[in-house]
Amino acid sequence: YPPEKFMGSGKLLDARGKDAIDVDLLEGVDIQPGDIVFIVTGCDSKFGTSEYFESYPIFTEAFAQALVEKRVKIVGIDSPSPDNKPFTVHKILLSNEIFIIEMLTNLDQLLESVRASQQQQRLANRERESRFLADHKQQQALLAKAKKEEERRRRENQPLIQVTEQNQAEIERLQQ
Protein backbone atom coordinates (compact mmCIF):
# COMPACT_ATOMS: atom_id res chain seq x y z
CA TYR A 1 0.00 0.00 0.00
CA PRO A 2 1.17 3.55 -0.71
CA PRO A 3 2.05 5.80 2.25
CA GLU A 4 -1.04 7.95 1.51
CA LYS A 5 -3.20 5.03 2.67
CA PHE A 6 -1.92 5.70 6.20
CA MET A 7 -2.43 9.47 6.19
CA GLY A 8 -5.60 11.49 6.58
CA SER A 9 -7.63 13.75 8.79
CA GLY A 10 -8.49 12.21 12.12
CA LYS A 11 -11.88 12.06 13.78
CA LEU A 12 -12.09 11.16 17.45
CA LEU A 13 -15.34 9.63 18.70
CA ASP A 14 -16.23 9.17 22.37
CA ALA A 15 -17.86 5.76 22.97
CA ARG A 16 -17.04 5.51 26.68
CA GLY A 17 -19.77 3.74 28.62
CA LYS A 18 -21.29 2.03 25.59
CA ASP A 19 -21.76 -1.73 25.35
CA ALA A 20 -22.11 -1.57 21.58
CA ILE A 21 -20.80 0.98 19.11
CA ASP A 22 -23.61 1.78 16.70
CA VAL A 23 -24.37 4.33 13.98
CA ASP A 24 -25.75 6.82 16.53
CA LEU A 25 -22.12 7.55 17.44
CA LEU A 26 -21.71 9.10 13.98
CA GLU A 27 -24.57 11.58 14.35
CA GLY A 28 -23.38 15.14 13.97
CA VAL A 29 -19.84 14.06 13.02
CA ASP A 30 -18.53 15.29 9.67
CA ILE A 31 -16.65 12.27 8.35
CA GLN A 32 -15.21 12.66 4.87
CA PRO A 33 -13.84 10.02 2.50
CA GLY A 34 -10.27 9.22 3.48
CA ASP A 35 -10.67 10.17 7.15
CA ILE A 36 -9.16 8.08 9.92
CA VAL A 37 -11.60 7.39 12.75
CA PHE A 38 -10.42 6.73 16.32
CA ILE A 39 -12.89 5.46 18.89
CA VAL A 40 -12.36 6.06 22.60
CA THR A 41 -13.95 3.35 24.76
CA GLY A 42 -11.80 3.69 27.88
CA CYS A 43 -10.97 -0.02 27.72
CA ASP A 44 -7.25 0.68 27.66
CA SER A 45 -7.49 1.38 31.40
CA LYS A 46 -8.28 -2.32 31.89
CA PHE A 47 -5.18 -3.47 30.03
CA GLY A 48 -3.27 -6.09 31.98
CA THR A 49 -6.42 -7.56 33.50
CA SER A 50 -8.52 -10.46 32.26
CA GLU A 51 -11.46 -8.07 31.92
CA TYR A 52 -9.65 -6.28 29.09
CA PHE A 53 -10.09 -9.27 26.78
CA GLU A 54 -13.44 -10.43 28.19
CA SER A 55 -15.59 -7.30 28.36
CA TYR A 56 -15.34 -4.55 25.77
CA PRO A 57 -17.78 -2.78 23.45
CA ILE A 58 -18.08 -4.13 19.92
CA PHE A 59 -19.05 -2.50 16.65
CA THR A 60 -22.44 -3.30 15.24
CA GLU A 61 -22.47 -4.46 11.62
CA ALA A 62 -24.46 -1.30 10.82
CA PHE A 63 -21.66 0.84 12.27
CA ALA A 64 -19.05 -1.01 10.23
CA GLN A 65 -21.18 -0.62 7.10
CA ALA A 66 -21.57 3.12 7.81
CA LEU A 67 -17.78 3.46 7.95
CA VAL A 68 -17.59 1.68 4.59
CA GLU A 69 -20.21 4.04 3.12
CA LYS A 70 -18.27 7.03 4.42
CA ARG A 71 -15.13 5.53 2.83
CA VAL A 72 -12.83 5.96 5.82
CA LYS A 73 -9.27 4.66 5.44
CA ILE A 74 -8.59 3.38 8.93
CA VAL A 75 -10.48 2.79 12.15
CA GLY A 76 -8.63 2.64 15.46
CA ILE A 77 -9.91 1.56 18.86
CA ASP A 78 -8.51 1.29 22.38
CA SER A 79 -9.94 -2.18 22.93
CA PRO A 80 -8.61 -5.57 21.84
CA SER A 81 -11.00 -5.84 18.89
CA PRO A 82 -13.99 -4.17 17.24
CA ASP A 83 -15.89 -7.48 17.36
CA ASN A 84 -15.90 -11.14 18.43
CA LYS A 85 -16.02 -14.47 16.62
CA PRO A 86 -16.95 -14.98 13.80
CA PHE A 87 -15.40 -11.52 13.20
CA THR A 88 -18.05 -10.20 10.82
CA VAL A 89 -17.02 -6.58 11.44
CA HIS A 90 -13.41 -7.45 10.58
CA LYS A 91 -14.62 -8.99 7.32
CA ILE A 92 -16.79 -5.98 6.45
CA LEU A 93 -14.00 -3.47 7.08
CA LEU A 94 -11.05 -5.39 5.68
CA SER A 95 -12.91 -6.50 2.53
CA ASN A 96 -13.38 -2.77 1.84
CA GLU A 97 -9.71 -2.02 2.52
CA ILE A 98 -10.41 -0.23 5.79
CA PHE A 99 -7.54 -1.02 8.10
CA ILE A 100 -8.18 -1.75 11.77
CA ILE A 101 -5.84 -0.60 14.54
CA GLU A 102 -6.54 -2.32 17.85
CA MET A 103 -5.27 -1.93 21.40
CA LEU A 104 -4.52 1.77 21.19
CA THR A 105 -3.82 3.59 24.42
CA ASN A 106 -4.37 7.07 25.87
CA LEU A 107 -7.02 8.08 23.35
CA ASP A 108 -8.93 9.60 26.28
CA GLN A 109 -6.04 12.02 26.83
CA LEU A 110 -6.14 12.94 23.17
CA LEU A 111 -9.88 13.49 23.43
CA GLU A 112 -9.46 15.78 26.44
CA SER A 113 -6.73 17.69 24.63
CA VAL A 114 -8.96 18.19 21.59
CA ARG A 115 -11.83 19.37 23.78
CA ALA A 116 -9.57 21.82 25.61
CA SER A 117 -8.34 23.16 22.28
CA GLN A 118 -11.91 23.55 21.04
CA GLN A 119 -12.84 25.40 24.23
CA GLN A 120 -9.90 27.77 23.78
CA GLN A 121 -10.98 28.39 20.19
CA ARG A 122 -14.55 29.17 21.31
CA LEU A 123 -13.25 31.62 23.92
CA ALA A 124 -11.00 33.31 21.36
CA ASN A 125 -13.94 33.61 18.95
CA ARG A 126 -16.10 35.17 21.67
CA GLU A 127 -13.35 37.64 22.49
CA ARG A 128 -13.01 38.64 18.82
CA GLU A 129 -16.77 39.01 18.59
CA SER A 130 -16.84 41.19 21.71
CA ARG A 131 -14.09 43.43 20.31
CA PHE A 132 -15.96 43.69 17.04
CA LEU A 133 -19.18 44.63 18.81
CA ALA A 134 -17.38 47.23 20.95
CA ASP A 135 -15.75 48.75 17.86
CA HIS A 136 -19.10 48.70 16.08
CA LYS A 137 -20.78 50.50 18.98
CA GLN A 138 -17.98 53.09 19.02
CA GLN A 139 -18.37 53.56 15.27
CA GLN A 140 -22.13 53.99 15.64
CA ALA A 141 -21.58 56.55 18.43
CA LEU A 142 -19.18 58.58 16.23
CA LEU A 143 -21.62 58.51 13.32
CA ALA A 144 -24.50 59.55 15.58
CA LYS A 145 -22.38 62.41 16.97
CA ALA A 146 -21.54 63.55 13.44
CA LYS A 147 -25.21 63.47 12.43
CA LYS A 148 -26.21 65.48 15.49
CA GLU A 149 -23.51 68.05 14.70
CA GLU A 150 -24.67 68.19 11.09
CA GLU A 151 -28.30 68.78 12.20
CA ARG A 152 -27.26 71.44 14.72
CA ARG A 153 -25.29 73.33 12.10
CA ARG A 154 -28.17 73.11 9.62
CA ARG A 155 -30.50 74.55 12.23
CA GLU A 156 -28.05 77.34 12.87
CA ASN A 157 -27.57 77.70 9.09
CA GLN A 158 -23.84 77.36 9.49
CA PRO A 159 -21.56 75.70 6.97
CA LEU A 160 -20.62 72.14 7.84
CA ILE A 161 -17.09 71.55 9.06
CA GLN A 162 -15.16 68.95 7.10
CA VAL A 163 -14.32 65.75 8.92
CA THR A 164 -10.77 66.05 10.12
CA GLU A 165 -8.16 63.60 8.91
CA GLN A 166 -7.90 62.20 12.43
CA ASN A 167 -11.67 61.61 12.65
CA GLN A 168 -11.70 60.09 9.15
CA ALA A 169 -8.86 57.70 10.05
CA GLU A 170 -10.70 56.66 13.23
CA ILE A 171 -13.93 56.03 11.31
CA GLU A 172 -12.10 53.96 8.67
CA ARG A 173 -10.33 51.91 11.39
CA LEU A 174 -13.63 51.14 13.08
CA GLN A 175 -15.28 50.15 9.82
CA GLN A 176 -12.73 47.37 9.27
C-alpha atoms as a PDB file:
ATOM      1  CA  TYR A   1       0.000   0.000   0.000  1.00  0.00           C
ATOM      2  CA  PRO A   2       1.173   3.551  -0.710  1.00  0.00           C
ATOM      3  CA  PRO A   3       2.046   5.797   2.251  1.00  0.00           C
ATOM      4  CA  GLU A   4      -1.045   7.948   1.512  1.00  0.00           C
ATOM      5  CA  LYS A   5      -3.203   5.032   2.671  1.00  0.00           C
ATOM      6  CA  PHE A   6      -1.924   5.699   6.202  1.00  0.00           C
ATOM      7  CA  MET A   7      -2.435   9.474   6.188  1.00  0.00           C
ATOM      8  CA  GLY A   8      -5.598  11.492   6.577  1.00  0.00           C
ATOM      9  CA  SER A   9      -7.632  13.749   8.785  1.00  0.00           C
ATOM     10  CA  GLY A  10      -8.492  12.210  12.117  1.00  0.00           C
ATOM     11  CA  LYS A  11     -11.882  12.061  13.779  1.00  0.00           C
ATOM     12  CA  LEU A  12     -12.087  11.161  17.453  1.00  0.00           C
ATOM     13  CA  LEU A  13     -15.343   9.626  18.704  1.00  0.00           C
ATOM     14  CA  ASP A  14     -16.230   9.173  22.368  1.00  0.00           C
ATOM     15  CA  ALA A  15     -17.856   5.764  22.974  1.00  0.00           C
ATOM     16  CA  ARG A  16     -17.038   5.513  26.676  1.00  0.00           C
ATOM     17  CA  GLY A  17     -19.766   3.745  28.625  1.00  0.00           C
ATOM     18  CA  LYS A  18     -21.289   2.030  25.589  1.00  0.00           C
ATOM     19  CA  ASP A  19     -21.759  -1.731  25.348  1.00  0.00           C
ATOM     20  CA  ALA A  20     -22.107  -1.566  21.579  1.00  0.00           C
ATOM     21  CA  ILE A  21     -20.803   0.983  19.109  1.00  0.00           C
ATOM     22  CA  ASP A  22     -23.612   1.785  16.702  1.00  0.00           C
ATOM     23  CA  VAL A  23     -24.374   4.330  13.984  1.00  0.00           C
ATOM     24  CA  ASP A  24     -25.751   6.823  16.532  1.00  0.00           C
ATOM     25  CA  LEU A  25     -22.122   7.552  17.436  1.00  0.00           C
ATOM     26  CA  LEU A  26     -21.705   9.098  13.979  1.00  0.00           C
ATOM     27  CA  GLU A  27     -24.571  11.584  14.353  1.00  0.00           C
ATOM     28  CA  GLY A  28     -23.378  15.141  13.968  1.00  0.00           C
ATOM     29  CA  VAL A  29     -19.845  14.065  13.021  1.00  0.00           C
ATOM     30  CA  ASP A  30     -18.529  15.286   9.673  1.00  0.00           C
ATOM     31  CA  ILE A  31     -16.654  12.269   8.353  1.00  0.00           C
ATOM     32  CA  GLN A  32     -15.209  12.661   4.874  1.00  0.00           C
ATOM     33  CA  PRO A  33     -13.839  10.025   2.502  1.00  0.00           C
ATOM     34  CA  GLY A  34     -10.268   9.222   3.481  1.00  0.00           C
ATOM     35  CA  ASP A  35     -10.668  10.173   7.146  1.00  0.00           C
ATOM     36  CA  ILE A  36      -9.162   8.077   9.917  1.00  0.00           C
ATOM     37  CA  VAL A  37     -11.596   7.388  12.753  1.00  0.00           C
ATOM     38  CA  PHE A  38     -10.421   6.735  16.317  1.00  0.00           C
ATOM     39  CA  ILE A  39     -12.887   5.460  18.895  1.00  0.00           C
ATOM     40  CA  VAL A  40     -12.362   6.062  22.598  1.00  0.00           C
ATOM     41  CA  THR A  41     -13.948   3.349  24.761  1.00  0.00           C
ATOM     42  CA  GLY A  42     -11.804   3.689  27.880  1.00  0.00           C
ATOM     43  CA  CYS A  43     -10.970  -0.016  27.723  1.00  0.00           C
ATOM     44  CA  ASP A  44      -7.251   0.677  27.663  1.00  0.00           C
ATOM     45  CA  SER A  45      -7.491   1.382  31.398  1.00  0.00           C
ATOM     46  CA  LYS A  46      -8.280  -2.321  31.885  1.00  0.00           C
ATOM     47  CA  PHE A  47      -5.176  -3.468  30.029  1.00  0.00           C
ATOM     48  CA  GLY A  48      -3.265  -6.090  31.978  1.00  0.00           C
ATOM     49  CA  THR A  49      -6.420  -7.559  33.497  1.00  0.00           C
ATOM     50  CA  SER A  50      -8.521 -10.464  32.263  1.00  0.00           C
ATOM     51  CA  GLU A  51     -11.462  -8.074  31.915  1.00  0.00           C
ATOM     52  CA  TYR A  52      -9.651  -6.279  29.086  1.00  0.00           C
ATOM     53  CA  PHE A  53     -10.094  -9.274  26.783  1.00  0.00           C
ATOM     54  CA  GLU A  54     -13.440 -10.435  28.187  1.00  0.00           C
ATOM     55  CA  SER A  55     -15.588  -7.301  28.355  1.00  0.00           C
ATOM     56  CA  TYR A  56     -15.342  -4.555  25.770  1.00  0.00           C
ATOM     57  CA  PRO A  57     -17.781  -2.777  23.448  1.00  0.00           C
ATOM     58  CA  ILE A  58     -18.078  -4.128  19.924  1.00  0.00           C
ATOM     59  CA  PHE A  59     -19.050  -2.495  16.650  1.00  0.00           C
ATOM     60  CA  THR A  60     -22.440  -3.304  15.237  1.00  0.00           C
ATOM     61  CA  GLU A  61     -22.468  -4.456  11.620  1.00  0.00           C
ATOM     62  CA  ALA A  62     -24.460  -1.299  10.821  1.00  0.00           C
ATOM     63  CA  PHE A  63     -21.664   0.843  12.273  1.00  0.00           C
ATOM     64  CA  ALA A  64     -19.046  -1.012  10.228  1.00  0.00           C
ATOM     65  CA  GLN A  65     -21.176  -0.616   7.102  1.00  0.00           C
ATOM     66  CA  ALA A  66     -21.574   3.121   7.815  1.00  0.00           C
ATOM     67  CA  LEU A  67     -17.777   3.459   7.950  1.00  0.00           C
ATOM     68  CA  VAL A  68     -17.594   1.683   4.585  1.00  0.00           C
ATOM     69  CA  GLU A  69     -20.211   4.036   3.117  1.00  0.00           C
ATOM     70  CA  LYS A  70     -18.274   7.034   4.421  1.00  0.00           C
ATOM     71  CA  ARG A  71     -15.127   5.534   2.826  1.00  0.00           C
ATOM     72  CA  VAL A  72     -12.835   5.961   5.821  1.00  0.00           C
ATOM     73  CA  LYS A  73      -9.268   4.659   5.442  1.00  0.00           C
ATOM     74  CA  ILE A  74      -8.594   3.384   8.929  1.00  0.00           C
ATOM     75  CA  VAL A  75     -10.479   2.793  12.150  1.00  0.00           C
ATOM     76  CA  GLY A  76      -8.630   2.639  15.456  1.00  0.00           C
ATOM     77  CA  ILE A  77      -9.908   1.556  18.855  1.00  0.00           C
ATOM     78  CA  ASP A  78      -8.505   1.295  22.382  1.00  0.00           C
ATOM     79  CA  SER A  79      -9.937  -2.176  22.933  1.00  0.00           C
ATOM     80  CA  PRO A  80      -8.607  -5.573  21.843  1.00  0.00           C
ATOM     81  CA  SER A  81     -11.003  -5.836  18.886  1.00  0.00           C
ATOM     82  CA  PRO A  82     -13.987  -4.167  17.238  1.00  0.00           C
ATOM     83  CA  ASP A  83     -15.893  -7.482  17.356  1.00  0.00           C
ATOM     84  CA  ASN A  84     -15.905 -11.141  18.434  1.00  0.00           C
ATOM     85  CA  LYS A  85     -16.024 -14.473  16.625  1.00  0.00           C
ATOM     86  CA  PRO A  86     -16.954 -14.981  13.796  1.00  0.00           C
ATOM     87  CA  PHE A  87     -15.399 -11.519  13.199  1.00  0.00           C
ATOM     88  CA  THR A  88     -18.049 -10.205  10.817  1.00  0.00           C
ATOM     89  CA  VAL A  89     -17.020  -6.584  11.436  1.00  0.00           C
ATOM     90  CA  HIS A  90     -13.405  -7.448  10.583  1.00  0.00           C
ATOM     91  CA  LYS A  91     -14.621  -8.987   7.319  1.00  0.00           C
ATOM     92  CA  ILE A  92     -16.792  -5.978   6.446  1.00  0.00           C
ATOM     93  CA  LEU A  93     -14.004  -3.470   7.078  1.00  0.00           C
ATOM     94  CA  LEU A  94     -11.048  -5.390   5.681  1.00  0.00           C
ATOM     95  CA  SER A  95     -12.911  -6.504   2.533  1.00  0.00           C
ATOM     96  CA  ASN A  96     -13.380  -2.773   1.837  1.00  0.00           C
ATOM     97  CA  GLU A  97      -9.713  -2.017   2.520  1.00  0.00           C
ATOM     98  CA  ILE A  98     -10.410  -0.231   5.787  1.00  0.00           C
ATOM     99  CA  PHE A  99      -7.541  -1.023   8.098  1.00  0.00           C
ATOM    100  CA  ILE A 100      -8.176  -1.745  11.769  1.00  0.00           C
ATOM    101  CA  ILE A 101      -5.840  -0.597  14.536  1.00  0.00           C
ATOM    102  CA  GLU A 102      -6.543  -2.321  17.846  1.00  0.00           C
ATOM    103  CA  MET A 103      -5.269  -1.934  21.405  1.00  0.00           C
ATOM    104  CA  LEU A 104      -4.517   1.771  21.185  1.00  0.00           C
ATOM    105  CA  THR A 105      -3.824   3.593  24.418  1.00  0.00           C
ATOM    106  CA  ASN A 106      -4.370   7.069  25.875  1.00  0.00           C
ATOM    107  CA  LEU A 107      -7.025   8.085  23.351  1.00  0.00           C
ATOM    108  CA  ASP A 108      -8.932   9.596  26.280  1.00  0.00           C
ATOM    109  CA  GLN A 109      -6.042  12.016  26.834  1.00  0.00           C
ATOM    110  CA  LEU A 110      -6.136  12.943  23.165  1.00  0.00           C
ATOM    111  CA  LEU A 111      -9.884  13.487  23.428  1.00  0.00           C
ATOM    112  CA  GLU A 112      -9.458  15.782  26.444  1.00  0.00           C
ATOM    113  CA  SER A 113      -6.728  17.694  24.629  1.00  0.00           C
ATOM    114  CA  VAL A 114      -8.961  18.189  21.592  1.00  0.00           C
ATOM    115  CA  ARG A 115     -11.834  19.368  23.783  1.00  0.00           C
ATOM    116  CA  ALA A 116      -9.569  21.817  25.613  1.00  0.00           C
ATOM    117  CA  SER A 117      -8.344  23.163  22.284  1.00  0.00           C
ATOM    118  CA  GLN A 118     -11.912  23.554  21.035  1.00  0.00           C
ATOM    119  CA  GLN A 119     -12.840  25.395  24.233  1.00  0.00           C
ATOM    120  CA  GLN A 120      -9.896  27.775  23.779  1.00  0.00           C
ATOM    121  CA  GLN A 121     -10.979  28.387  20.194  1.00  0.00           C
ATOM    122  CA  ARG A 122     -14.553  29.172  21.306  1.00  0.00           C
ATOM    123  CA  LEU A 123     -13.245  31.623  23.921  1.00  0.00           C
ATOM    124  CA  ALA A 124     -10.998  33.313  21.355  1.00  0.00           C
ATOM    125  CA  ASN A 125     -13.939  33.609  18.955  1.00  0.00           C
ATOM    126  CA  ARG A 126     -16.105  35.167  21.675  1.00  0.00           C
ATOM    127  CA  GLU A 127     -13.347  37.642  22.492  1.00  0.00           C
ATOM    128  CA  ARG A 128     -13.011  38.636  18.818  1.00  0.00           C
ATOM    129  CA  GLU A 129     -16.771  39.006  18.592  1.00  0.00           C
ATOM    130  CA  SER A 130     -16.840  41.192  21.713  1.00  0.00           C
ATOM    131  CA  ARG A 131     -14.090  43.428  20.310  1.00  0.00           C
ATOM    132  CA  PHE A 132     -15.959  43.694  17.036  1.00  0.00           C
ATOM    133  CA  LEU A 133     -19.183  44.634  18.812  1.00  0.00           C
ATOM    134  CA  ALA A 134     -17.378  47.225  20.951  1.00  0.00           C
ATOM    135  CA  ASP A 135     -15.747  48.751  17.862  1.00  0.00           C
ATOM    136  CA  HIS A 136     -19.104  48.701  16.077  1.00  0.00           C
ATOM    137  CA  LYS A 137     -20.775  50.496  18.981  1.00  0.00           C
ATOM    138  CA  GLN A 138     -17.984  53.087  19.017  1.00  0.00           C
ATOM    139  CA  GLN A 139     -18.369  53.557  15.274  1.00  0.00           C
ATOM    140  CA  GLN A 140     -22.133  53.990  15.644  1.00  0.00           C
ATOM    141  CA  ALA A 141     -21.575  56.553  18.427  1.00  0.00           C
ATOM    142  CA  LEU A 142     -19.179  58.577  16.234  1.00  0.00           C
ATOM    143  CA  LEU A 143     -21.615  58.506  13.324  1.00  0.00           C
ATOM    144  CA  ALA A 144     -24.502  59.553  15.581  1.00  0.00           C
ATOM    145  CA  LYS A 145     -22.380  62.409  16.974  1.00  0.00           C
ATOM    146  CA  ALA A 146     -21.537  63.547  13.445  1.00  0.00           C
ATOM    147  CA  LYS A 147     -25.214  63.465  12.431  1.00  0.00           C
ATOM    148  CA  LYS A 148     -26.214  65.483  15.494  1.00  0.00           C
ATOM    149  CA  GLU A 149     -23.512  68.051  14.699  1.00  0.00           C
ATOM    150  CA  GLU A 150     -24.672  68.191  11.092  1.00  0.00           C
ATOM    151  CA  GLU A 151     -28.297  68.777  12.200  1.00  0.00           C
ATOM    152  CA  ARG A 152     -27.261  71.440  14.720  1.00  0.00           C
ATOM    153  CA  ARG A 153     -25.288  73.327  12.099  1.00  0.00           C
ATOM    154  CA  ARG A 154     -28.166  73.114   9.616  1.00  0.00           C
ATOM    155  CA  ARG A 155     -30.499  74.548  12.235  1.00  0.00           C
ATOM    156  CA  GLU A 156     -28.046  77.343  12.868  1.00  0.00           C
ATOM    157  CA  ASN A 157     -27.573  77.699   9.094  1.00  0.00           C
ATOM    158  CA  GLN A 158     -23.843  77.355   9.491  1.00  0.00           C
ATOM    159  CA  PRO A 159     -21.564  75.696   6.971  1.00  0.00           C
ATOM    160  CA  LEU A 160     -20.622  72.141   7.842  1.00  0.00           C
ATOM    161  CA  ILE A 161     -17.089  71.552   9.056  1.00  0.00           C
ATOM    162  CA  GLN A 162     -15.157  68.949   7.099  1.00  0.00           C
ATOM    163  CA  VAL A 163     -14.320  65.754   8.915  1.00  0.00           C
ATOM    164  CA  THR A 164     -10.770  66.055  10.117  1.00  0.00           C
ATOM    165  CA  GLU A 165      -8.163  63.601   8.906  1.00  0.00           C
ATOM    166  CA  GLN A 166      -7.896  62.199  12.434  1.00  0.00           C
ATOM    167  CA  ASN A 167     -11.673  61.610  12.651  1.00  0.00           C
ATOM    168  CA  GLN A 168     -11.702  60.089   9.153  1.00  0.00           C
ATOM    169  CA  ALA A 169      -8.863  57.704  10.047  1.00  0.00           C
ATOM    170  CA  GLU A 170     -10.703  56.660  13.227  1.00  0.00           C
ATOM    171  CA  ILE A 171     -13.926  56.033  11.307  1.00  0.00           C
ATOM    172  CA  GLU A 172     -12.097  53.958   8.673  1.00  0.00           C
ATOM    173  CA  ARG A 173     -10.327  51.909  11.385  1.00  0.00           C
ATOM    174  CA  LEU A 174     -13.627  51.136  13.081  1.00  0.00           C
ATOM    175  CA  GLN A 175     -15.283  50.148   9.817  1.00  0.00           C
ATOM    176  CA  GLN A 176     -12.734  47.373   9.271  1.00  0.00           C
END
